[in-house]
Amino acid sequence: MSLRFPNARLHIHELLSAEDTRDGEALAQGARDFGLISDEHLTEITSACSDSACNCLQVGKQILVRYLETAAPAKDPKRIDSAAIWKDIEQSLKVFVTRADCGECDPGAFQTKCLKLAPALFDIILQQIGRYF
């Protein structure tokens, strides 16, 4: 899967470059900045972030779920399956991590501290949301 949202990825990179901003926090902040989640969801998601591990996947999944909770009622909720969408995201991410030079990323294990993962994950989430909305 090719990445299609360079401005979104740059925004996540910019958030990551801020002092003391972790990967999951940057993802959640970017999702709020792009209108995917509310301020309330941002607080809820970032408060659940761990200080000791990469939170990209946990936060990414929460962003997707929260977005679908608010956007799906406008569409046919039976057609939208967050688990299936998340599975597609994970598959796309595996392809990306395998192809990319991610430094310390292990393509077999997603729980990494690779800062290149957060921008790519955000791009892939936006692509998957675009498929349904």
C-alpha atoms as a PDB file:
ATOM      1  CA  MET A   1       0.000   0.000   0.000  1.00  0.00           C
ATOM      2  CA  SER A   2       1.348   3.384  -0.899  1.00  0.00           C
ATOM      3  CA  LEU A   3       1.042   6.288   1.489  1.00  0.00           C
ATOM      4  CA  ARG A   4      -1.246   9.051   0.210  1.00  0.00           C
ATOM      5  CA  PHE A   5      -1.443  11.757   2.856  1.00  0.00           C
ATOM      6  CA  PRO A   6       1.948  13.504   3.027  1.00  0.00           C
ATOM      7  CA  ASN A   7       0.593  16.522   4.909  1.00  0.00           C
ATOM      8  CA  ALA A   8      -0.935  14.291   7.563  1.00  0.00           C
ATOM      9  CA  ARG A   9       2.351  12.400   7.960  1.00  0.00           C
ATOM     10  CA  LEU A  10       4.283  15.682   8.193  1.00  0.00           C
ATOM     11  CA  HIS A  11       1.879  16.891  10.856  1.00  0.00           C
ATOM     12  CA  ILE A  12       2.487  13.728  12.921  1.00  0.00           C
ATOM     13  CA  HIS A  13       6.263  14.143  12.451  1.00  0.00           C
ATOM     14  CA  GLU A  14       5.963  17.724  13.664  1.00  0.00           C
ATOM     15  CA  LEU A  15       3.982  16.620  16.729  1.00  0.00           C
ATOM     16  CA  LEU A  16       6.563  13.912  17.436  1.00  0.00           C
ATOM     17  CA  SER A  17       9.384  16.430  17.294  1.00  0.00           C
ATOM     18  CA  ALA A  18       7.838  18.412  20.139  1.00  0.00           C
ATOM     19  CA  GLU A  19       9.543  17.807  23.447  1.00  0.00           C
ATOM     20  CA  ASP A  20       8.046  14.991  25.559  1.00  0.00           C
ATOM     21  CA  THR A  21       5.452  13.950  22.943  1.00  0.00           C
ATOM     22  CA  ARG A  22       5.099  10.206  22.652  1.00  0.00           C
ATOM     23  CA  ASP A  23       3.992   8.315  19.555  1.00  0.00           C
ATOM     24  CA  GLY A  24       0.465   7.594  20.784  1.00  0.00           C
ATOM     25  CA  GLU A  25      -0.035  11.151  21.976  1.00  0.00           C
ATOM     26  CA  ALA A  26       1.047  12.486  18.586  1.00  0.00           C
ATOM     27  CA  LEU A  27      -1.377  10.152  16.803  1.00  0.00           C
ATOM     28  CA  ALA A  28      -4.265  11.180  19.042  1.00  0.00           C
ATOM     29  CA  GLN A  29      -3.427  14.888  18.718  1.00  0.00           C
ATOM     30  CA  GLY A  30      -3.193  14.536  14.938  1.00  0.00           C
ATOM     31  CA  ALA A  31      -6.541  12.738  14.835  1.00  0.00           C
ATOM     32  CA  ARG A  32      -8.106  15.582  16.802  1.00  0.00           C
ATOM     33  CA  ASP A  33      -6.444  18.181  14.584  1.00  0.00           C
ATOM     34  CA  PHE A  34      -7.813  16.428  11.473  1.00  0.00           C
ATOM     35  CA  GLY A  35     -11.316  16.154  12.963  1.00  0.00           C
ATOM     36  CA  LEU A  36     -11.403  12.409  13.517  1.00  0.00           C
ATOM     37  CA  ILE A  37     -11.920  12.611  17.279  1.00  0.00           C
ATOM     38  CA  SER A  38     -13.176  15.198  19.750  1.00  0.00           C
ATOM     39  CA  ASP A  39     -11.266  16.923  22.547  1.00  0.00           C
ATOM     40  CA  GLU A  40     -13.014  14.581  24.981  1.00  0.00           C
ATOM     41  CA  HIS A  41     -11.811  11.526  23.058  1.00  0.00           C
ATOM     42  CA  LEU A  42      -8.305  13.007  22.885  1.00  0.00           C
ATOM     43  CA  THR A  43      -8.149  13.266  26.669  1.00  0.00           C
ATOM     44  CA  GLU A  44      -9.567   9.777  27.114  1.00  0.00           C
ATOM     45  CA  ILE A  45      -7.155   8.183  24.635  1.00  0.00           C
ATOM     46  CA  THR A  46      -4.007   9.961  25.824  1.00  0.00           C
ATOM     47  CA  SER A  47      -4.738   9.247  29.492  1.00  0.00           C
ATOM     48  CA  ALA A  48      -4.663   5.534  28.677  1.00  0.00           C
ATOM     49  CA  CYS A  49      -1.213   5.761  27.021  1.00  0.00           C
ATOM     50  CA  SER A  50       1.613   3.904  28.687  1.00  0.00           C
ATOM     51  CA  ASP A  51       4.916   5.650  29.311  1.00  0.00           C
ATOM     52  CA  SER A  52       6.984   2.522  28.833  1.00  0.00           C
ATOM     53  CA  ALA A  53       5.933   1.140  25.461  1.00  0.00           C
ATOM     54  CA  CYS A  54       4.938   2.105  21.942  1.00  0.00           C
ATOM     55  CA  ASN A  55       1.268   3.021  21.936  1.00  0.00           C
ATOM     56  CA  CYS A  56       0.779   3.430  18.198  1.00  0.00           C
ATOM     57  CA  LEU A  57      -1.437   0.437  17.653  1.00  0.00           C
ATOM     58  CA  GLN A  58      -3.523   0.894  20.784  1.00  0.00           C
ATOM     59  CA  VAL A  59      -4.105   4.553  20.022  1.00  0.00           C
ATOM     60  CA  GLY A  60      -4.689   3.919  16.327  1.00  0.00           C
ATOM     61  CA  LYS A  61      -7.377   1.381  17.102  1.00  0.00           C
ATOM     62  CA  GLN A  62      -9.020   3.731  19.609  1.00  0.00           C
ATOM     63  CA  ILE A  63      -9.015   6.538  17.028  1.00  0.00           C
ATOM     64  CA  LEU A  64     -10.730   4.269  14.522  1.00  0.00           C
ATOM     65  CA  VAL A  65     -13.319   3.042  17.037  1.00  0.00           C
ATOM     66  CA  ARG A  66     -14.110   6.538  18.306  1.00  0.00           C
ATOM     67  CA  TYR A  67     -14.378   7.908  14.775  1.00  0.00           C
ATOM     68  CA  LEU A  68     -16.705   5.111  13.703  1.00  0.00           C
ATOM     69  CA  GLU A  69     -18.875   5.599  16.793  1.00  0.00           C
ATOM     70  CA  THR A  70     -19.555   9.177  15.755  1.00  0.00           C
ATOM     71  CA  ALA A  71     -19.542   8.798  11.954  1.00  0.00           C
ATOM     72  CA  ALA A  72     -21.250   5.419  11.500  1.00  0.00           C
ATOM     73  CA  PRO A  73     -24.746   6.503  12.599  1.00  0.00           C
ATOM     74  CA  ALA A  74     -24.856   8.737   9.526  1.00  0.00           C
ATOM     75  CA  LYS A  75     -24.060   5.715   7.371  1.00  0.00           C
ATOM     76  CA  ASP A  76     -25.375   2.174   7.524  1.00  0.00           C
ATOM     77  CA  PRO A  77     -23.902   0.888  10.822  1.00  0.00           C
ATOM     78  CA  LYS A  78     -24.340  -2.739   9.733  1.00  0.00           C
ATOM     79  CA  ARG A  79     -21.969  -2.151   6.840  1.00  0.00           C
ATOM     80  CA  ILE A  80     -19.202  -0.778   9.044  1.00  0.00           C
ATOM     81  CA  ASP A  81     -17.199  -3.351  10.982  1.00  0.00           C
ATOM     82  CA  SER A  82     -14.394  -1.744  12.981  1.00  0.00           C
ATOM     83  CA  ALA A  83     -12.691  -5.118  13.571  1.00  0.00           C
ATOM     84  CA  ALA A  84     -12.528  -5.822   9.838  1.00  0.00           C
ATOM     85  CA  ILE A  85     -11.286  -2.310   9.095  1.00  0.00           C
ATOM     86  CA  TRP A  86      -8.616  -2.630  11.804  1.00  0.00           C
ATOM     87  CA  LYS A  87      -7.533  -5.980  10.362  1.00  0.00           C
ATOM     88  CA  ASP A  88      -7.071  -4.281   6.970  1.00  0.00           C
ATOM     89  CA  ILE A  89      -5.018  -1.560   8.662  1.00  0.00           C
ATOM     90  CA  GLU A  90      -2.780  -4.154  10.321  1.00  0.00           C
ATOM     91  CA  GLN A  91      -2.285  -5.956   7.008  1.00  0.00           C
ATOM     92  CA  SER A  92      -1.370  -2.697   5.271  1.00  0.00           C
ATOM     93  CA  LEU A  93       0.967  -1.805   8.098  1.00  0.00           C
ATOM     94  CA  LYS A  94       2.752  -5.162   7.831  1.00  0.00           C
ATOM     95  CA  VAL A  95       3.443  -4.463   4.174  1.00  0.00           C
ATOM     96  CA  PHE A  96       4.688  -0.967   4.962  1.00  0.00           C
ATOM     97  CA  VAL A  97       6.910  -2.018   7.869  1.00  0.00           C
ATOM     98  CA  THR A  98       8.395  -4.821   5.779  1.00  0.00           C
ATOM     99  CA  ARG A  99       9.259  -2.422   2.936  1.00  0.00           C
ATOM    100  CA  ALA A 100      10.342   0.614   4.933  1.00  0.00           C
ATOM    101  CA  ASP A 101      13.627   1.313   6.594  1.00  0.00           C
ATOM    102  CA  CYS A 102      12.289   1.558  10.121  1.00  0.00           C
ATOM    103  CA  GLY A 103      15.497   1.354  12.087  1.00  0.00           C
ATOM    104  CA  GLU A 104      14.692  -0.747  15.121  1.00  0.00           C
ATOM    105  CA  CYS A 105      11.252  -1.907  13.889  1.00  0.00           C
ATOM    106  CA  ASP A 106      10.740  -5.632  13.826  1.00  0.00           C
ATOM    107  CA  PRO A 107       8.294  -6.467  11.011  1.00  0.00           C
ATOM    108  CA  GLY A 108       7.054  -9.480  12.986  1.00  0.00           C
ATOM    109  CA  ALA A 109       6.198  -7.530  16.121  1.00  0.00           C
ATOM    110  CA  PHE A 110       4.280  -4.271  16.056  1.00  0.00           C
ATOM    111  CA  GLN A 111       5.048  -3.215  19.633  1.00  0.00           C
ATOM    112  CA  THR A 112       8.085  -1.154  18.712  1.00  0.00           C
ATOM    113  CA  LYS A 113       9.372   2.302  19.516  1.00  0.00           C
ATOM    114  CA  CYS A 114       9.927   3.233  15.876  1.00  0.00           C
ATOM    115  CA  LEU A 115       8.887   6.833  15.377  1.00  0.00           C
ATOM    116  CA  LYS A 116       8.415   6.195  11.670  1.00  0.00           C
ATOM    117  CA  LEU A 117       5.488   3.912  12.470  1.00  0.00           C
ATOM    118  CA  ALA A 118       3.149   6.624  13.830  1.00  0.00           C
ATOM    119  CA  PRO A 119       3.016   8.789  10.664  1.00  0.00           C
ATOM    120  CA  ALA A 120       2.561   5.752   8.414  1.00  0.00           C
ATOM    121  CA  LEU A 121      -0.165   4.351  10.658  1.00  0.00           C
ATOM    122  CA  PHE A 122      -2.011   7.675  10.599  1.00  0.00           C
ATOM    123  CA  ASP A 123      -1.843   7.749   6.802  1.00  0.00           C
ATOM    124  CA  ILE A 124      -3.204   4.207   6.569  1.00  0.00           C
ATOM    125  CA  ILE A 125      -6.040   4.992   9.010  1.00  0.00           C
ATOM    126  CA  LEU A 126      -7.026   7.983   6.861  1.00  0.00           C
ATOM    127  CA  GLN A 127      -7.017   5.797   3.748  1.00  0.00           C
ATOM    128  CA  GLN A 128      -9.210   3.153   5.377  1.00  0.00           C
ATOM    129  CA  ILE A 129     -11.660   5.767   6.670  1.00  0.00           C
ATOM    130  CA  GLY A 130     -11.792   7.207   3.168  1.00  0.00           C
ATOM    131  CA  ARG A 131     -12.915   3.854   1.822  1.00  0.00           C
ATOM    132  CA  TYR A 132     -16.097   3.999   3.897  1.00  0.00           C
ATOM    133  CA  PHE A 133     -16.889   7.703   4.222  1.00  0.00           C
END
